Amino acid sequence: MCPVSCVASRALLGAAQGKPLHEVAKPEPLTVRMINSVMKKCEVKPRFHETFGPTDGYPGEFGYRQKVLLLFQSLDGVDVCLFCMYVQEYGKDCPAPNTNVVYLSYLDSVKYFRPEIPSALGPAVSLRTFVYHQLLIAYVEFTRNMGFEQMYIWACPPMQVRRSAHGARFGNGRGGLSA
């Protein structure tokens, strides 16, 4: 069963394409799973103190909760992982400067999402992109509701050969190595 928002989105897309609702493809079932939620500590390295001089009162460690969120889609009866997000949540009990701060440290996805169609937002935004953006927006809203005040997104510069949480893959996201 497709939720009301899915039907509305398909109706808009159908109208834009001049197709009746029953001819517009609907996505296979999606499931979001939190596969990891553990408390960890980030230790301040001695080099930090050497570099920045006396840091009286600066904590020696910061406690945080690491979470790993995955999006799965049931494709031909098999749950396939399409999207992965690692976050570190430093709560209200964590000392400054990490009090109520979230670090989004890793995002990854593969291009297996079905159907491969534009979203109701238009041809420039695929349904896949729309779904991934909605996951990020929902997580940001969740953290705001939980009392977090800041979020940082870590980004590394692109590399010639990239490895991911989804294993090695070709440039098209379907396995092997990307170049």
Foldseek 3Di string as FASTA:
>chain_A
DDDPVQQVFLCLVCVVVVHHSVPRDGWADKDKDWPAWDKDKDADDPVVCVVPPDDPPDDRIWIWIKIKMWMWGQDPNDTDTFKIWIKTAGDCPTDPPRYLEMEGEDIDGAPPTPPFQCTSVDRVHTPVNVVVVVVVVVVVVVSVVVPRDYYHYDDDDDDQWDADPVGAADCNRHRHIHD
